[in-house]
Amino acid sequence: MEEETYYVNVREPAETRKKILESSRQVVIALQRYENFKLKKMKKQDLADKLRRNFREINELILRLKKEMPQVRALRKTTEKAEKPAAQIKIQKGKSDLKDLERELNEIEMKLKNLR
């Protein structure tokens, strides 16, 4: 079958071409932005994967370190301070610190007297 050719009159062909080219230019710019976005997304994914691998490696190293460290039991002292209000604890702590310092000072003075 033969194709029939039709001609259409276009008003202001130069202006129409200009608009088509401008539209094509905008499409190309949008495609470039999309490609840049895809590249950034891939880089972000690669960095996230690398970070996950690093965390896994760190966790494995921590586990190995814990296995190599000696097992020590920590002794916890249960005191009355845990049951008292916070304000009372601070006041008593200040008093006990002062008493401790005075006691240490007395011990040092006694040692000095013994050395003379």
Protein backbone atom coordinates (compact mmCIF):
# COMPACT_ATOMS: atom_id res chain seq x y z
CA MET A 1 0.00 0.00 0.00
CA GLU A 2 1.18 3.43 -0.84
CA GLU A 3 1.41 6.01 1.88
CA GLU A 4 -0.34 9.22 1.26
CA THR A 5 1.54 12.39 2.04
CA TYR A 6 -0.26 15.29 3.59
CA TYR A 7 1.08 18.76 4.02
CA VAL A 8 -0.08 21.01 6.82
CA ASN A 9 0.43 24.71 6.94
CA VAL A 10 2.18 25.77 10.16
CA ARG A 11 1.89 29.35 11.25
CA GLU A 12 5.17 30.86 12.36
CA PRO A 13 7.36 27.81 11.70
CA ALA A 14 10.48 29.43 13.16
CA GLU A 15 8.71 30.14 16.47
CA THR A 16 7.30 26.60 16.56
CA ARG A 17 10.76 25.11 15.96
CA LYS A 18 12.17 27.35 18.69
CA LYS A 19 9.54 26.13 21.17
CA ILE A 20 10.12 22.49 20.24
CA LEU A 21 13.89 22.88 20.67
CA GLU A 22 13.37 24.61 24.03
CA SER A 23 11.13 21.75 25.15
CA SER A 24 13.73 19.22 23.98
CA ARG A 25 16.41 21.14 25.89
CA GLN A 26 14.31 21.03 29.08
CA VAL A 27 13.77 17.30 28.66
CA VAL A 28 17.52 16.73 28.25
CA ILE A 29 18.24 18.83 31.38
CA ALA A 30 15.64 16.82 33.32
CA LEU A 31 17.24 13.58 32.13
CA GLN A 32 20.68 14.83 33.21
CA ARG A 33 19.33 15.68 36.67
CA TYR A 34 17.74 12.26 36.89
CA GLU A 35 21.04 10.58 35.96
CA ASN A 36 22.86 12.65 38.59
CA PHE A 37 20.21 11.63 41.11
CA LYS A 38 20.67 7.96 40.20
CA LEU A 39 24.46 8.25 40.58
CA LYS A 40 24.11 9.91 43.98
CA LYS A 41 21.62 7.26 45.06
CA MET A 42 24.02 4.49 44.01
CA LYS A 43 26.90 6.17 45.86
CA LYS A 44 24.73 6.52 48.95
CA GLN A 45 23.77 2.85 48.76
CA ASP A 46 27.43 1.85 48.37
CA LEU A 47 28.40 3.95 51.38
CA ALA A 48 25.55 2.49 53.43
CA ASP A 49 26.69 -1.04 52.50
CA LYS A 50 30.27 -0.19 53.43
CA LEU A 51 29.07 1.23 56.75
CA ARG A 52 27.09 -1.95 57.46
CA ARG A 53 30.15 -4.07 56.70
CA ASN A 54 32.26 -1.90 59.01
CA PHE A 55 29.71 -2.23 61.81
CA ARG A 56 29.62 -5.99 61.38
CA GLU A 57 33.41 -6.14 61.49
CA ILE A 58 33.51 -3.93 64.58
CA ASN A 59 30.90 -6.09 66.31
CA GLU A 60 32.89 -9.23 65.46
CA LEU A 61 36.07 -7.64 66.81
CA ILE A 62 34.28 -6.60 70.00
CA LEU A 63 33.01 -10.14 70.48
CA ARG A 64 36.52 -11.54 69.95
CA LEU A 65 37.89 -8.98 72.40
CA LYS A 66 35.29 -9.92 75.01
CA LYS A 67 36.22 -13.58 74.62
CA GLU A 68 39.91 -12.79 75.10
CA MET A 69 39.38 -10.57 78.15
CA PRO A 70 39.46 -12.29 81.52
CA GLN A 71 36.14 -12.89 83.23
CA VAL A 72 35.83 -10.76 86.36
CA ARG A 73 32.87 -10.56 88.64
CA ALA A 74 31.99 -7.11 89.76
CA LEU A 75 30.91 -6.90 93.37
CA ARG A 76 28.05 -4.53 93.94
CA LYS A 77 27.51 -3.02 97.31
CA THR A 78 23.96 -2.48 98.38
CA THR A 79 23.75 0.59 100.51
CA GLU A 80 21.08 2.63 102.13
CA LYS A 81 21.84 5.52 99.81
CA ALA A 82 19.86 3.92 97.01
CA GLU A 83 16.70 4.13 99.08
CA LYS A 84 17.12 7.75 100.23
CA PRO A 85 15.92 10.79 98.28
CA ALA A 86 18.42 12.53 96.01
CA ALA A 87 18.69 15.70 98.13
CA GLN A 88 19.61 13.73 101.24
CA ILE A 89 22.15 11.71 99.31
CA LYS A 90 23.94 14.87 98.11
CA ILE A 91 24.08 16.33 101.63
CA GLN A 92 25.31 13.10 103.16
CA LYS A 93 27.79 12.61 100.33
CA GLY A 94 29.28 16.05 100.98
CA LYS A 95 29.56 15.29 104.70
CA SER A 96 31.08 11.85 104.11
CA ASP A 97 33.58 13.28 101.61
CA LEU A 98 34.66 15.84 104.20
CA LYS A 99 34.96 13.14 106.86
CA ASP A 100 36.99 10.97 104.50
CA LEU A 101 39.37 13.83 103.77
CA GLU A 102 39.76 14.60 107.46
CA ARG A 103 40.46 10.94 108.18
CA GLU A 104 43.09 10.78 105.44
CA LEU A 105 44.68 13.99 106.70
CA ASN A 106 44.88 12.56 110.24
CA GLU A 107 46.48 9.38 108.90
CA ILE A 108 49.09 11.36 106.99
CA GLU A 109 49.85 13.49 110.05
CA MET A 110 50.28 10.36 112.19
CA LYS A 111 52.67 8.88 109.65
CA LEU A 112 54.67 12.10 109.65
CA LYS A 113 54.89 12.04 113.45
CA ASN A 114 56.10 8.44 113.35
CA LEU A 115 58.83 9.34 110.85
CA ARG A 116 60.32 12.08 113.09
